[in-house]
Amino acid sequence: MAARKQYGVKYPDLYADPNNKNAKLFNCVQRGHQNSLENLPTFYTLMILSGLKYPVYTAIAGLFYNAGRVLYLNGYATGDPKKRMQGGIMYIGTLGLLGMAGSFAYTLLRS
C-alpha cells in the first residue's frame, strides 16, 4: 500500500500503467511482493513438516529464509530486477527445510 501511494498507482490496477513515470519501480515492488506470496504455502508446509522432527534447526532455516526474503524484496524494489539475487541466502533455508522434511518423511515411511 505504501508503494501504491508513493508511485501513484490506484486500485484495482495490479501493475502501474506504462505511462506512469514510476511504472518500473512500482512493478518491481509489486512483483517482489507477489513472488513472496506465491512461495508462502511451500515455506509453511516445509516449516511444519520439518519442525515436527527438527524444531531448532527448522527455526534456524526459517531465519535464513526470511532474511533472504527481506534482502530479495529490498533488492527488487530498487527497480533493478537483477538486485533481487542479493536474497540468495533464502535458498540455504529452503534447501535445509526440504532436506529435513524429506528426512521426516523417510522416518515415517520406515516405521
PDB file of N, CA and C in Angstrom:
ATOM      1  N   MET A   1       0.829  -1.192   0.000  1.00  0.00           N
ATOM      2  CA  MET A   1       0.000   0.000   0.000  1.00  0.00           C
ATOM      3  C   MET A   1       0.875   1.258   0.000  1.00  0.00           C
ATOM      4  N   ALA A   2       2.004   1.173   0.691  1.00  0.00           N
ATOM      5  CA  ALA A   2       2.900   2.335   0.709  1.00  0.00           C
ATOM      6  C   ALA A   2       3.431   2.625  -0.691  1.00  0.00           C
ATOM      7  N   ALA A   3       3.754   1.569  -1.441  1.00  0.00           N
ATOM      8  CA  ALA A   3       4.255   1.757  -2.806  1.00  0.00           C
ATOM      9  C   ALA A   3       3.156   2.334  -3.702  1.00  0.00           C
ATOM     10  N   ARG A   4       1.916   1.926  -3.483  1.00  0.00           N
ATOM     11  CA  ARG A   4       0.817   2.479  -4.272  1.00  0.00           C
ATOM     12  C   ARG A   4       0.710   3.989  -4.060  1.00  0.00           C
ATOM     13  N   LYS A   5       0.816   4.410  -2.812  1.00  0.00           N
ATOM     14  CA  LYS A   5       0.760   5.852  -2.517  1.00  0.00           C
ATOM     15  C   LYS A   5       1.973   6.562  -3.096  1.00  0.00           C
ATOM     16  N   GLN A   6       3.146   5.984  -2.859  1.00  0.00           N
ATOM     17  CA  GLN A   6       4.388   6.623  -3.289  1.00  0.00           C
ATOM     18  C   GLN A   6       4.459   6.787  -4.806  1.00  0.00           C
ATOM     19  N   TYR A   7       4.014   5.773  -5.552  1.00  0.00           N
ATOM     20  CA  TYR A   7       4.149   5.801  -7.003  1.00  0.00           C
ATOM     21  C   TYR A   7       2.852   6.149  -7.731  1.00  0.00           C
ATOM     22  N   GLY A   8       1.792   6.431  -6.989  1.00  0.00           N
ATOM     23  CA  GLY A   8       0.544   6.892  -7.582  1.00  0.00           C
ATOM     24  C   GLY A   8      -0.202   5.856  -8.398  1.00  0.00           C
ATOM     25  N   VAL A   9      -0.266   4.631  -7.901  1.00  0.00           N
ATOM     26  CA  VAL A   9      -0.984   3.560  -8.606  1.00  0.00           C
ATOM     27  C   VAL A   9      -2.247   3.254  -7.812  1.00  0.00           C
ATOM     28  N   LYS A  10      -3.384   3.447  -8.444  1.00  0.00           N
ATOM     29  CA  LYS A  10      -4.680   3.274  -7.781  1.00  0.00           C
ATOM     30  C   LYS A  10      -5.201   1.851  -7.962  1.00  0.00           C
ATOM     31  N   TYR A  11      -6.012   1.425  -6.997  1.00  0.00           N
ATOM     32  CA  TYR A  11      -6.731   0.160  -7.131  1.00  0.00           C
ATOM     33  C   TYR A  11      -7.768   0.310  -8.218  1.00  0.00           C
ATOM     34  N   PRO A  12      -8.152  -0.671  -8.954  1.00  0.00           N
ATOM     35  CA  PRO A  12      -7.844  -2.093  -8.861  1.00  0.00           C
ATOM     36  C   PRO A  12      -6.658  -2.508  -9.725  1.00  0.00           C
ATOM     37  N   ASP A  13      -5.902  -1.543 -10.264  1.00  0.00           N
ATOM     38  CA  ASP A  13      -4.772  -1.894 -11.132  1.00  0.00           C
ATOM     39  C   ASP A  13      -3.742  -2.709 -10.362  1.00  0.00           C
ATOM     40  N   LEU A  14      -3.366  -3.842 -10.938  1.00  0.00           N
ATOM     41  CA  LEU A  14      -2.367  -4.690 -10.308  1.00  0.00           C
ATOM     42  C   LEU A  14      -0.967  -4.150 -10.570  1.00  0.00           C
ATOM     43  N   TYR A  15      -0.741  -3.653 -11.764  1.00  0.00           N
ATOM     44  CA  TYR A  15       0.545  -3.074 -12.141  1.00  0.00           C
ATOM     45  C   TYR A  15       0.341  -1.634 -12.576  1.00  0.00           C
ATOM     46  N   ALA A  16       1.414  -0.863 -12.573  1.00  0.00           N
ATOM     47  CA  ALA A  16       1.352   0.540 -12.975  1.00  0.00           C
ATOM     48  C   ALA A  16       1.157   0.648 -14.480  1.00  0.00           C
ATOM     49  N   ASP A  17       0.441   1.661 -14.876  1.00  0.00           N
ATOM     50  CA  ASP A  17       0.244   1.959 -16.285  1.00  0.00           C
ATOM     51  C   ASP A  17       1.602   2.315 -16.891  1.00  0.00           C
ATOM     52  N   PRO A  18       1.893   1.848 -18.099  1.00  0.00           N
ATOM     53  CA  PRO A  18       3.194   2.158 -18.715  1.00  0.00           C
ATOM     54  C   PRO A  18       3.470   3.662 -18.854  1.00  0.00           C
ATOM     55  N   ASN A  19       2.416   4.473 -18.856  1.00  0.00           N
ATOM     56  CA  ASN A  19       2.600   5.920 -18.965  1.00  0.00           C
ATOM     57  C   ASN A  19       3.019   6.559 -17.647  1.00  0.00           C
ATOM     58  N   ASN A  20       2.896   5.835 -16.546  1.00  0.00           N
ATOM     59  CA  ASN A  20       3.316   6.331 -15.239  1.00  0.00           C
ATOM     60  C   ASN A  20       4.840   6.390 -15.226  1.00  0.00           C
ATOM     61  N   LYS A  21       5.388   7.534 -14.823  1.00  0.00           N
ATOM     62  CA  LYS A  21       6.850   7.687 -14.842  1.00  0.00           C
ATOM     63  C   LYS A  21       7.555   6.739 -13.872  1.00  0.00           C
ATOM     64  N   ASN A  22       6.844   6.257 -12.856  1.00  0.00           N
ATOM     65  CA  ASN A  22       7.418   5.336 -11.878  1.00  0.00           C
ATOM     66  C   ASN A  22       6.952   3.894 -12.081  1.00  0.00           C
ATOM     67  N   ALA A  23       6.500   3.576 -13.279  1.00  0.00           N
ATOM     68  CA  ALA A  23       5.920   2.258 -13.541  1.00  0.00           C
ATOM     69  C   ALA A  23       6.901   1.131 -13.232  1.00  0.00           C
ATOM     70  N   LYS A  24       8.152   1.262 -13.667  1.00  0.00           N
ATOM     71  CA  LYS A  24       9.106   0.180 -13.452  1.00  0.00           C
ATOM     72  C   LYS A  24       9.361  -0.031 -11.960  1.00  0.00           C
ATOM     73  N   LEU A  25       9.518   1.041 -11.206  1.00  0.00           N
ATOM     74  CA  LEU A  25       9.765   0.916  -9.769  1.00  0.00           C
ATOM     75  C   LEU A  25       8.591   0.241  -9.065  1.00  0.00           C
ATOM     76  N   PHE A  26       7.374   0.696  -9.356  1.00  0.00           N
ATOM     77  CA  PHE A  26       6.209   0.091  -8.714  1.00  0.00           C
ATOM     78  C   PHE A  26       6.057  -1.368  -9.122  1.00  0.00           C
ATOM     79  N   ASN A  27       6.232  -1.652 -10.399  1.00  0.00           N
ATOM     80  CA  ASN A  27       6.058  -3.020 -10.878  1.00  0.00           C
ATOM     81  C   ASN A  27       7.082  -3.972 -10.260  1.00  0.00           C
ATOM     82  N   CYS A  28       8.281  -3.487 -10.009  1.00  0.00           N
ATOM     83  CA  CYS A  28       9.282  -4.323  -9.340  1.00  0.00           C
ATOM     84  C   CYS A  28       8.877  -4.602  -7.893  1.00  0.00           C
ATOM     85  N   VAL A  29       8.378  -3.591  -7.201  1.00  0.00           N
ATOM     86  CA  VAL A  29       7.897  -3.796  -5.830  1.00  0.00           C
ATOM     87  C   VAL A  29       6.745  -4.790  -5.836  1.00  0.00           C
ATOM     88  N   GLN A  30       5.810  -4.609  -6.753  1.00  0.00           N
ATOM     89  CA  GLN A  30       4.636  -5.470  -6.833  1.00  0.00           C
ATOM     90  C   GLN A  30       5.017  -6.909  -7.159  1.00  0.00           C
ATOM     91  N   ARG A  31       5.942  -7.088  -8.087  1.00  0.00           N
ATOM     92  CA  ARG A  31       6.340  -8.449  -8.469  1.00  0.00           C
ATOM     93  C   ARG A  31       7.078  -9.145  -7.332  1.00  0.00           C
ATOM     94  N   GLY A  32       7.918  -8.409  -6.612  1.00  0.00           N
ATOM     95  CA  GLY A  32       8.596  -8.987  -5.456  1.00  0.00           C
ATOM     96  C   GLY A  32       7.617  -9.422  -4.385  1.00  0.00           C
ATOM     97  N   HIS A  33       6.598  -8.616  -4.170  1.00  0.00           N
ATOM     98  CA  HIS A  33       5.554  -8.949  -3.192  1.00  0.00           C
ATOM     99  C   HIS A  33       4.786 -10.182  -3.631  1.00  0.00           C
ATOM    100  N   GLN A  34       4.411 -10.228  -4.890  1.00  0.00           N
ATOM    101  CA  GLN A  34       3.668 -11.384  -5.395  1.00  0.00           C
ATOM    102  C   GLN A  34       4.493 -12.655  -5.311  1.00  0.00           C
ATOM    103  N   ASN A  35       5.779 -12.564  -5.620  1.00  0.00           N
ATOM    104  CA  ASN A  35       6.627 -13.743  -5.553  1.00  0.00           C
ATOM    105  C   ASN A  35       6.703 -14.272  -4.129  1.00  0.00           C
ATOM    106  N   SER A  36       6.768 -13.372  -3.173  1.00  0.00           N
ATOM    107  CA  SER A  36       6.794 -13.801  -1.768  1.00  0.00           C
ATOM    108  C   SER A  36       5.503 -14.523  -1.404  1.00  0.00           C
ATOM    109  N   LEU A  37       4.379 -13.990  -1.829  1.00  0.00           N
ATOM    110  CA  LEU A  37       3.094 -14.626  -1.534  1.00  0.00           C
ATOM    111  C   LEU A  37       2.955 -15.979  -2.221  1.00  0.00           C
ATOM    112  N   GLU A  38       3.494 -16.094  -3.427  1.00  0.00           N
ATOM    113  CA  GLU A  38       3.410 -17.359  -4.161  1.00  0.00           C
ATOM    114  C   GLU A  38       4.201 -18.471  -3.465  1.00  0.00           C
ATOM    115  N   ASN A  39       5.256 -18.095  -2.769  1.00  0.00           N
ATOM    116  CA  ASN A  39       6.117 -19.089  -2.132  1.00  0.00           C
ATOM    117  C   ASN A  39       5.735 -19.404  -0.687  1.00  0.00           C
ATOM    118  N   LEU A  40       4.813 -18.667  -0.098  1.00  0.00           N
ATOM    119  CA  LEU A  40       4.432 -18.902   1.293  1.00  0.00           C
ATOM    120  C   LEU A  40       3.853 -20.290   1.565  1.00  0.00           C
ATOM    121  N   PRO A  41       2.963 -20.825   0.740  1.00  0.00           N
ATOM    122  CA  PRO A  41       2.428 -22.164   1.040  1.00  0.00           C
ATOM    123  C   PRO A  41       3.513 -23.241   1.116  1.00  0.00           C
ATOM    124  N   THR A  42       4.472 -23.185   0.225  1.00  0.00           N
ATOM    125  CA  THR A  42       5.569 -24.156   0.257  1.00  0.00           C
ATOM    126  C   THR A  42       6.399 -23.977   1.516  1.00  0.00           C
ATOM    127  N   PHE A  43       6.711 -22.724   1.838  1.00  0.00           N
ATOM    128  CA  PHE A  43       7.503 -22.434   3.029  1.00  0.00           C
ATOM    129  C   PHE A  43       6.793 -22.919   4.289  1.00  0.00           C
ATOM    130  N   TYR A  44       5.505 -22.607   4.414  1.00  0.00           N
ATOM    131  CA  TYR A  44       4.750 -23.038   5.600  1.00  0.00           C
ATOM    132  C   TYR A  44       4.698 -24.564   5.711  1.00  0.00           C
ATOM    133  N   THR A  45       4.467 -25.226   4.603  1.00  0.00           N
ATOM    134  CA  THR A  45       4.397 -26.692   4.614  1.00  0.00           C
ATOM    135  C   THR A  45       5.730 -27.295   5.055  1.00  0.00           C
ATOM    136  N   LEU A  46       6.817 -26.798   4.491  1.00  0.00           N
ATOM    137  CA  LEU A  46       8.133 -27.311   4.870  1.00  0.00           C
ATOM    138  C   LEU A  46       8.454 -27.007   6.327  1.00  0.00           C
ATOM    139  N   MET A  47       8.054 -25.834   6.803  1.00  0.00           N
ATOM    140  CA  MET A  47       8.300 -25.477   8.208  1.00  0.00           C
ATOM    141  C   MET A  47       7.556 -26.431   9.150  1.00  0.00           C
ATOM    142  N   ILE A  48       6.309 -26.705   8.832  1.00  0.00           N
ATOM    143  CA  ILE A  48       5.505 -27.584   9.697  1.00  0.00           C
ATOM    144  C   ILE A  48       6.091 -28.989   9.717  1.00  0.00           C
ATOM    145  N   LEU A  49       6.354 -29.532   8.543  1.00  0.00           N
ATOM    146  CA  LEU A  49       6.872 -30.900   8.473  1.00  0.00           C
ATOM    147  C   LEU A  49       8.258 -31.020   9.114  1.00  0.00           C
ATOM    148  N   SER A  50       9.127 -30.083   8.823  1.00  0.00           N
ATOM    149  CA  SER A  50      10.476 -30.122   9.391  1.00  0.00           C
ATOM    150  C   SER A  50      10.460 -29.918  10.896  1.00  0.00           C
ATOM    151  N   GLY A  51       9.600 -29.017  11.344  1.00  0.00           N
ATOM    152  CA  GLY A  51       9.542 -28.676  12.762  1.00  0.00           C
ATOM    153  C   GLY A  51       9.068 -29.807  13.648  1.00  0.00           C
ATOM    154  N   LEU A  52       8.363 -30.763  13.084  1.00  0.00           N
ATOM    155  CA  LEU A  52       7.908 -31.899  13.881  1.00  0.00           C
ATOM    156  C   LEU A  52       9.065 -32.780  14.357  1.00  0.00           C
ATOM    157  N   LYS A  53      10.135 -32.828  13.571  1.00  0.00           N
ATOM    158  CA  LYS A  53      11.274 -33.667  13.949  1.00  0.00           C
ATOM    159  C   LYS A  53      12.493 -32.845  14.378  1.00  0.00           C
ATOM    160  N   TYR A  54      12.693 -31.702  13.740  1.00  0.00           N
ATOM    161  CA  TYR A  54      13.884 -30.882  13.985  1.00  0.00           C
ATOM    162  C   TYR A  54      13.491 -29.434  14.313  1.00  0.00           C
ATOM    163  N   PRO A  55      12.889 -29.166  15.462  1.00  0.00           N
ATOM    164  CA  PRO A  55      12.382 -27.820  15.730  1.00  0.00           C
ATOM    165  C   PRO A  55      13.448 -26.714  15.754  1.00  0.00           C
ATOM    166  N   VAL A  56      14.593 -26.982  16.343  1.00  0.00           N
ATOM    167  CA  VAL A  56      15.625 -25.935  16.443  1.00  0.00           C
ATOM    168  C   VAL A  56      16.232 -25.646  15.075  1.00  0.00           C
ATOM    169  N   TYR A  57      16.590 -26.692  14.345  1.00  0.00           N
ATOM    170  CA  TYR A  57      17.175 -26.494  13.013  1.00  0.00           C
ATOM    171  C   TYR A  57      16.162 -25.879  12.042  1.00  0.00           C
ATOM    172  N   THR A  58      14.903 -26.202  12.242  1.00  0.00           N
ATOM    173  CA  THR A  58      13.853 -25.605  11.416  1.00  0.00           C
ATOM    174  C   THR A  58      13.773 -24.104  11.662  1.00  0.00           C
ATOM    175  N   ALA A  59      13.880 -23.706  12.917  1.00  0.00           N
ATOM    176  CA  ALA A  59      13.851 -22.277  13.240  1.00  0.00           C
ATOM    177  C   ALA A  59      15.037 -21.555  12.600  1.00  0.00           C
ATOM    178  N   ILE A  60      16.199 -22.175  12.635  1.00  0.00           N
ATOM    179  CA  ILE A  60      17.389 -21.566  12.025  1.00  0.00           C
ATOM    180  C   ILE A  60      17.222 -21.456  10.516  1.00  0.00           C
ATOM    181  N   ALA A  61      16.728 -22.511   9.893  1.00  0.00           N
ATOM    182  CA  ALA A  61      16.488 -22.476   8.446  1.00  0.00           C
ATOM    183  C   ALA A  61      15.441 -21.419   8.104  1.00  0.00           C
ATOM    184  N   GLY A  62      14.421 -21.282   8.951  1.00  0.00           N
ATOM    185  CA  GLY A  62      13.403 -20.254   8.743  1.00  0.00           C
ATOM    186  C   GLY A  62      13.982 -18.851   8.823  1.00  0.00           C
ATOM    187  N   LEU A  63      14.948 -18.645   9.714  1.00  0.00           N
ATOM    188  CA  LEU A  63      15.611 -17.341   9.797  1.00  0.00           C
ATOM    189  C   LEU A  63      16.395 -17.035   8.530  1.00  0.00           C
ATOM    190  N   PHE A  64      17.103 -18.032   8.013  1.00  0.00           N
ATOM    191  CA  PHE A  64      17.823 -17.836   6.748  1.00  0.00           C
ATOM    192  C   PHE A  64      16.853 -17.483   5.622  1.00  0.00           C
ATOM    193  N   TYR A  65      15.757 -18.226   5.551  1.00  0.00           N
ATOM    194  CA  TYR A  65      14.770 -17.984   4.505  1.00  0.00           C
ATOM    195  C   TYR A  65      14.208 -16.565   4.602  1.00  0.00           C
ATOM    196  N   ASN A  66      13.798 -16.174   5.806  1.00  0.00           N
ATOM    197  CA  ASN A  66      13.183 -14.857   5.973  1.00  0.00           C
ATOM    198  C   ASN A  66      14.171 -13.720   5.769  1.00  0.00           C
ATOM    199  N   ALA A  67      15.406 -13.884   6.226  1.00  0.00           N
ATOM    200  CA  ALA A  67      16.422 -12.857   5.981  1.00  0.00           C
ATOM    201  C   ALA A  67      16.670 -12.722   4.478  1.00  0.00           C
ATOM    202  N   GLY A  68      16.747 -13.847   3.789  1.00  0.00           N
ATOM    203  CA  GLY A  68      16.925 -13.818   2.341  1.00  0.00           C
ATOM    204  C   GLY A  68      15.750 -13.190   1.632  1.00  0.00           C
ATOM    205  N   ARG A  69      14.563 -13.457   2.120  1.00  0.00           N
ATOM    206  CA  ARG A  69      13.353 -12.885   1.505  1.00  0.00           C
ATOM    207  C   ARG A  69      13.345 -11.362   1.653  1.00  0.00           C
ATOM    208  N   VAL A  70      13.767 -10.851   2.802  1.00  0.00           N
ATOM    209  CA  VAL A  70      13.847  -9.397   3.002  1.00  0.00           C
ATOM    210  C   VAL A  70      14.879  -8.792   2.049  1.00  0.00           C
ATOM    211  N   LEU A  71      16.042  -9.423   1.943  1.00  0.00           N
ATOM    212  CA  LEU A  71      17.064  -8.927   1.022  1.00  0.00           C
ATOM    213  C   LEU A  71      16.576  -8.979  -0.425  1.00  0.00           C
ATOM    214  N   TYR A  72      15.853 -10.041  -0.757  1.00  0.00           N
ATOM    215  CA  TYR A  72      15.267 -10.189  -2.098  1.00  0.00           C
ATOM    216  C   TYR A  72      14.329  -9.017  -2.406  1.00  0.00           C
ATOM    217  N   LEU A  73      13.416  -8.753  -1.473  1.00  0.00           N
ATOM    218  CA  LEU A  73      12.448  -7.686  -1.695  1.00  0.00           C
ATOM    219  C   LEU A  73      13.114  -6.316  -1.768  1.00  0.00           C
ATOM    220  N   ASN A  74      14.068  -6.064  -0.884  1.00  0.00           N
ATOM    221  CA  ASN A  74      14.761  -4.775  -0.909  1.00  0.00           C
ATOM    222  C   ASN A  74      15.556  -4.598  -2.194  1.00  0.00           C
ATOM    223  N   GLY A  75      16.180  -5.662  -2.674  1.00  0.00           N
ATOM    224  CA  GLY A  75      16.918  -5.577  -3.926  1.00  0.00           C
ATOM    225  C   GLY A  75      16.004  -5.355  -5.119  1.00  0.00           C
ATOM    226  N   TYR A  76      14.907  -6.079  -5.151  1.00  0.00           N
ATOM    227  CA  TYR A  76      13.954  -5.961  -6.265  1.00  0.00           C
ATOM    228  C   TYR A  76      13.317  -4.571  -6.288  1.00  0.00           C
ATOM    229  N   ALA A  77      13.051  -4.014  -5.118  1.00  0.00           N
ATOM    230  CA  ALA A  77      12.373  -2.714  -5.018  1.00  0.00           C
ATOM    231  C   ALA A  77      13.226  -1.556  -5.520  1.00  0.00           C
ATOM    232  N   THR A  78      14.505  -1.788  -5.781  1.00  0.00           N
ATOM    233  CA  THR A  78      15.352  -0.716  -6.308  1.00  0.00           C
ATOM    234  C   THR A  78      15.007  -0.385  -7.757  1.00  0.00           C
ATOM    235  N   GLY A  79      14.279  -1.283  -8.407  1.00  0.00           N
ATOM    236  CA  GLY A  79      13.939  -1.078  -9.812  1.00  0.00           C
ATOM    237  C   GLY A  79      14.854  -1.847 -10.750  1.00  0.00           C
ATOM    238  N   ASP A  80      15.877  -2.466 -10.190  1.00  0.00           N
ATOM    239  CA  ASP A  80      16.784  -3.297 -10.977  1.00  0.00           C
ATOM    240  C   ASP A  80      16.536  -4.751 -10.578  1.00  0.00           C
ATOM    241  N   PRO A  81      15.778  -5.501 -11.384  1.00  0.00           N
ATOM    242  CA  PRO A  81      15.426  -6.874 -11.014  1.00  0.00           C
ATOM    243  C   PRO A  81      16.622  -7.777 -10.722  1.00  0.00           C
ATOM    244  N   LYS A  82      17.795  -7.473 -11.280  1.00  0.00           N
ATOM    245  CA  LYS A  82      18.966  -8.310 -11.020  1.00  0.00           C
ATOM    246  C   LYS A  82      19.403  -8.226  -9.552  1.00  0.00           C
ATOM    247  N   LYS A  83      19.074  -7.132  -8.873  1.00  0.00           N
ATOM    248  CA  LYS A  83      19.477  -6.966  -7.476  1.00  0.00           C
ATOM    249  C   LYS A  83      18.683  -7.863  -6.531  1.00  0.00           C
ATOM    250  N   ARG A  84      17.640  -8.508  -7.037  1.00  0.00           N
ATOM    251  CA  ARG A  84      16.882  -9.430  -6.190  1.00  0.00           C
ATOM    252  C   ARG A  84      17.729 -10.629  -5.789  1.00  0.00           C
ATOM    253  N   MET A  85      18.786 -10.888  -6.542  1.00  0.00           N
ATOM    254  CA  MET A  85      19.653 -12.026  -6.258  1.00  0.00           C
ATOM    255  C   MET A  85      20.436 -11.846  -4.961  1.00  0.00           C
ATOM    256  N   GLN A  86      20.407 -10.650  -4.370  1.00  0.00           N
ATOM    257  CA  GLN A  86      21.048 -10.421  -3.078  1.00  0.00           C
ATOM    258  C   GLN A  86      20.417 -11.302  -2.006  1.00  0.00           C
ATOM    259  N   GLY A  87      19.205 -11.739  -2.246  1.00  0.00           N
ATOM    260  CA  GLY A  87      18.497 -12.576  -1.286  1.00  0.00           C
ATOM    261  C   GLY A  87      18.746 -14.053  -1.475  1.00  0.00           C
ATOM    262  N   GLY A  88      19.807 -14.416  -2.141  1.00  0.00           N
ATOM    263  CA  GLY A  88      20.096 -15.814  -2.430  1.00  0.00           C
ATOM    264  C   GLY A  88      20.256 -16.698  -1.201  1.00  0.00           C
ATOM    265  N   ILE A  89      20.506 -16.097  -0.031  1.00  0.00           N
ATOM    266  CA  ILE A  89      20.656 -16.926   1.169  1.00  0.00           C
ATOM    267  C   ILE A  89      19.344 -17.599   1.560  1.00  0.00           C
ATOM    268  N   MET A  90      18.239 -17.132   0.977  1.00  0.00           N
ATOM    269  CA  MET A  90      16.966 -17.790   1.289  1.00  0.00           C
ATOM    270  C   MET A  90      16.983 -19.248   0.839  1.00  0.00           C
ATOM    271  N   TYR A  91      17.791 -19.561  -0.164  1.00  0.00           N
ATOM    272  CA  TYR A  91      17.849 -20.932  -0.660  1.00  0.00           C
ATOM    273  C   TYR A  91      18.551 -21.862   0.318  1.00  0.00           C
ATOM    274  N   ILE A  92      19.420 -21.318   1.167  1.00  0.00           N
ATOM    275  CA  ILE A  92      20.016 -22.135   2.228  1.00  0.00           C
ATOM    276  C   ILE A  92      18.900 -22.633   3.136  1.00  0.00           C
ATOM    277  N   GLY A  93      18.007 -21.717   3.513  1.00  0.00           N
ATOM    278  CA  GLY A  93      16.873 -22.095   4.348  1.00  0.00           C
ATOM    279  C   GLY A  93      15.923 -23.046   3.649  1.00  0.00           C
ATOM    280  N   THR A  94      15.629 -22.763   2.392  1.00  0.00           N
ATOM    281  CA  THR A  94      14.700 -23.611   1.643  1.00  0.00           C
ATOM    282  C   THR A  94      15.237 -25.032   1.483  1.00  0.00           C
ATOM    283  N   LEU A  95      16.490 -25.153   1.112  1.00  0.00           N
ATOM    284  CA  LEU A  95      17.074 -26.482   0.925  1.00  0.00           C
ATOM    285  C   LEU A  95      17.205 -27.220   2.254  1.00  0.00           C
ATOM    286  N   GLY A  96      17.522 -26.485   3.302  1.00  0.00           N
ATOM    287  CA  GLY A  96      17.577 -27.103   4.622  1.00  0.00           C
ATOM    288  C   GLY A  96      16.221 -27.641   5.047  1.00  0.00           C
ATOM    289  N   LEU A  97      15.190 -26.836   4.839  1.00  0.00           N
ATOM    290  CA  LEU A  97      13.827 -27.271   5.184  1.00  0.00           C
ATOM    291  C   LEU A  97      13.407 -28.468   4.335  1.00  0.00           C
ATOM    292  N   LEU A  98      13.753 -28.434   3.078  1.00  0.00           N
ATOM    293  CA  LEU A  98      13.408 -29.544   2.193  1.00  0.00           C
ATOM    294  C   LEU A  98      14.096 -30.833   2.638  1.00  0.00           C
ATOM    295  N   GLY A  99      15.362 -30.726   2.999  1.00  0.00           N
ATOM    296  CA  GLY A  99      16.090 -31.903   3.473  1.00  0.00           C
ATOM    297  C   GLY A  99      15.510 -32.450   4.774  1.00  0.00           C
ATOM    298  N   MET A 100      15.179 -31.559   5.699  1.00  0.00           N
ATOM    299  CA  MET A 100      14.618 -32.013   6.977  1.00  0.00           C
ATOM    300  C   MET A 100      13.231 -32.622   6.794  1.00  0.00           C
ATOM    301  N   ALA A 101      12.420 -32.023   5.912  1.00  0.00           N
ATOM    302  CA  ALA A 101      11.092 -32.581   5.648  1.00  0.00           C
ATOM    303  C   ALA A 101      11.219 -33.947   4.987  1.00  0.00           C
ATOM    304  N   GLY A 102      12.189 -34.087   4.089  1.00  0.00           N
ATOM    305  CA  GLY A 102      12.435 -35.377   3.459  1.00  0.00           C
ATOM    306  C   GLY A 102      12.885 -36.428   4.463  1.00  0.00           C
ATOM    307  N   SER A 103      13.735 -36.026   5.389  1.00  0.00           N
ATOM    308  CA  SER A 103      14.184 -36.935   6.434  1.00  0.00           C
ATOM    309  C   SER A 103      13.017 -37.367   7.320  1.00  0.00           C
ATOM    310  N   PHE A 104      12.149 -36.427   7.640  1.00  0.00           N
ATOM    311  CA  PHE A 104      10.975 -36.745   8.448  1.00  0.00           C
ATOM    312  C   PHE A 104      10.060 -37.716   7.702  1.00  0.00           C
ATOM    313  N   ALA A 105       9.854 -37.477   6.415  1.00  0.00           N
ATOM    314  CA  ALA A 105       9.012 -38.371   5.613  1.00  0.00           C
ATOM    315  C   ALA A 105       9.618 -39.768   5.546  1.00  0.00           C
ATOM    316  N   TYR A 106      10.922 -39.821   5.370  1.00  0.00           N
ATOM    317  CA  TYR A 106      11.612 -41.122   5.334  1.00  0.00           C
ATOM    318  C   TYR A 106      11.431 -41.865   6.661  1.00  0.00           C
ATOM    319  N   THR A 107      11.551 -41.145   7.761  1.00  0.00           N
ATOM    320  CA  THR A 107      11.357 -41.747   9.090  1.00  0.00           C
ATOM    321  C   THR A 107       9.942 -42.317   9.227  1.00  0.00           C
ATOM    322  N   LEU A 108       8.960 -41.571   8.749  1.00  0.00           N
ATOM    323  CA  LEU A 108       7.576 -42.046   8.820  1.00  0.00           C
ATOM    324  C   LEU A 108       7.365 -43.278   7.951  1.00  0.00           C
ATOM    325  N   LEU A 109       7.972 -43.317   6.787  1.00  0.00           N
ATOM    326  CA  LEU A 109       7.810 -44.451   5.889  1.00  0.00           C
ATOM    327  C   LEU A 109       8.480 -45.702   6.430  1.00  0.00           C
ATOM    328  N   ARG A 110       9.572 -45.539   7.148  1.00  0.00           N
ATOM    329  CA  ARG A 110      10.278 -46.686   7.711  1.00  0.00           C
ATOM    330  C   ARG A 110       9.561 -47.297   8.900  1.00  0.00           C
ATOM    331  N   SER A 111       8.778 -46.500   9.599  1.00  0.00           N
ATOM    332  CA  SER A 111       8.124 -47.026  10.824  1.00  0.00           C
ATOM    333  C   SER A 111       6.852 -47.788  10.552  1.00  0.00           C
TER     334      SER A 111
END
